[in-house]
Amino acid sequence: MAKQLSYAQMKEIFTRFHALEAEPKGELEHVNAFTLLVAVALSAQATDAGVNKATRKLFAVADTPDRMLALGEEGLIEHIKTIGL
């Protein structure tokens, strides 16, 4: 079984991460927290590059839950079909 890190060890790890990259950025493109959540869910089934390609057009028309619901199932499928879903 793996040994659990102490608080001091964890803090040191994150201090080093912060020194290397104070504002880390993910690979998934998004415009708000909702679109990031959608992109993360889609990325479980496809590459980040494929998700970004599909979501650029999707997020241009549906960047909120209400707008995404308004697309309907068929409208949503039309936007994400390129990633095989």
Protein backbone atom coordinates (compact mmCIF):
# COMPACT_ATOMS: atom_id res chain seq x y z
CA MET A 1 0.00 0.00 0.00
CA ALA A 2 1.27 3.47 -0.87
CA LYS A 3 2.39 5.73 1.96
CA GLN A 4 0.20 8.79 2.47
CA LEU A 5 1.97 12.12 2.08
CA SER A 6 2.06 14.53 4.98
CA TYR A 7 0.51 17.98 4.75
CA ALA A 8 4.00 19.52 4.54
CA GLN A 9 4.95 17.21 1.67
CA MET A 10 1.76 17.99 -0.25
CA LYS A 11 2.25 21.71 0.31
CA GLU A 12 5.82 21.46 -1.00
CA ILE A 13 4.62 19.65 -4.14
CA PHE A 14 2.03 22.33 -4.91
CA THR A 15 4.52 25.10 -4.14
CA ARG A 16 6.84 23.61 -6.75
CA PHE A 17 4.00 23.26 -9.27
CA HIS A 18 3.08 26.90 -8.70
CA ALA A 19 6.68 28.01 -9.21
CA LEU A 20 6.80 26.19 -12.55
CA GLU A 21 3.41 27.31 -13.83
CA ALA A 22 1.53 29.88 -11.74
CA GLU A 23 -1.55 29.87 -14.00
CA PRO A 24 -1.82 26.41 -15.58
CA LYS A 25 -4.16 26.04 -18.54
CA GLY A 26 -5.89 22.90 -19.72
CA GLU A 27 -6.07 21.78 -23.33
CA LEU A 28 -9.87 21.89 -23.55
CA GLU A 29 -11.35 25.06 -25.02
CA HIS A 30 -14.23 26.59 -23.05
CA VAL A 31 -15.89 29.94 -22.45
CA ASN A 32 -17.28 29.42 -18.94
CA ALA A 33 -17.60 26.80 -16.20
CA PHE A 34 -20.58 25.13 -17.91
CA THR A 35 -18.78 24.68 -21.22
CA LEU A 36 -15.71 23.35 -19.40
CA LEU A 37 -17.92 20.75 -17.70
CA VAL A 38 -19.39 19.72 -21.07
CA ALA A 39 -15.93 19.55 -22.66
CA VAL A 40 -14.57 17.42 -19.80
CA ALA A 41 -17.51 15.00 -20.08
CA LEU A 42 -17.00 14.69 -23.83
CA SER A 43 -13.24 14.24 -23.44
CA ALA A 44 -13.83 11.01 -21.54
CA GLN A 45 -14.83 9.48 -24.87
CA ALA A 46 -12.59 11.35 -27.32
CA THR A 47 -9.30 13.18 -27.62
CA ASP A 48 -9.03 16.78 -26.46
CA ALA A 49 -8.31 17.84 -30.05
CA GLY A 50 -11.46 16.11 -31.28
CA VAL A 51 -13.54 17.62 -28.49
CA ASN A 52 -12.20 21.11 -29.24
CA LYS A 53 -13.05 20.74 -32.92
CA ALA A 54 -16.63 19.70 -32.12
CA THR A 55 -17.26 22.18 -29.33
CA ARG A 56 -16.05 25.33 -31.09
CA LYS A 57 -19.25 25.49 -33.14
CA LEU A 58 -21.39 24.06 -30.33
CA PHE A 59 -20.30 26.65 -27.77
CA ALA A 60 -20.80 29.46 -30.29
CA VAL A 61 -24.54 28.71 -30.25
CA ALA A 62 -25.00 26.97 -26.90
CA ASP A 63 -22.84 28.22 -24.05
CA THR A 64 -25.45 27.88 -21.28
CA PRO A 65 -27.62 24.98 -20.10
CA ASP A 66 -30.76 26.66 -21.45
CA ARG A 67 -29.26 27.22 -24.88
CA MET A 68 -27.98 23.66 -25.02
CA LEU A 69 -31.40 22.30 -24.07
CA ALA A 70 -32.96 24.49 -26.75
CA LEU A 71 -30.87 22.67 -29.38
CA GLY A 72 -32.72 19.47 -28.58
CA GLU A 73 -31.22 16.03 -28.85
CA GLU A 74 -30.90 16.11 -32.63
CA GLY A 75 -29.29 19.55 -32.62
CA LEU A 76 -26.78 18.47 -30.01
CA ILE A 77 -25.97 15.26 -31.87
CA GLU A 78 -25.34 17.27 -35.01
CA HIS A 79 -22.62 19.23 -33.20
CA ILE A 80 -20.86 16.30 -31.51
CA LYS A 81 -21.17 13.61 -34.17
CA THR A 82 -17.57 14.19 -35.29
CA ILE A 83 -16.30 12.68 -32.03
CA GLY A 84 -18.29 9.50 -32.48
CA LEU A 85 -21.05 10.04 -29.95
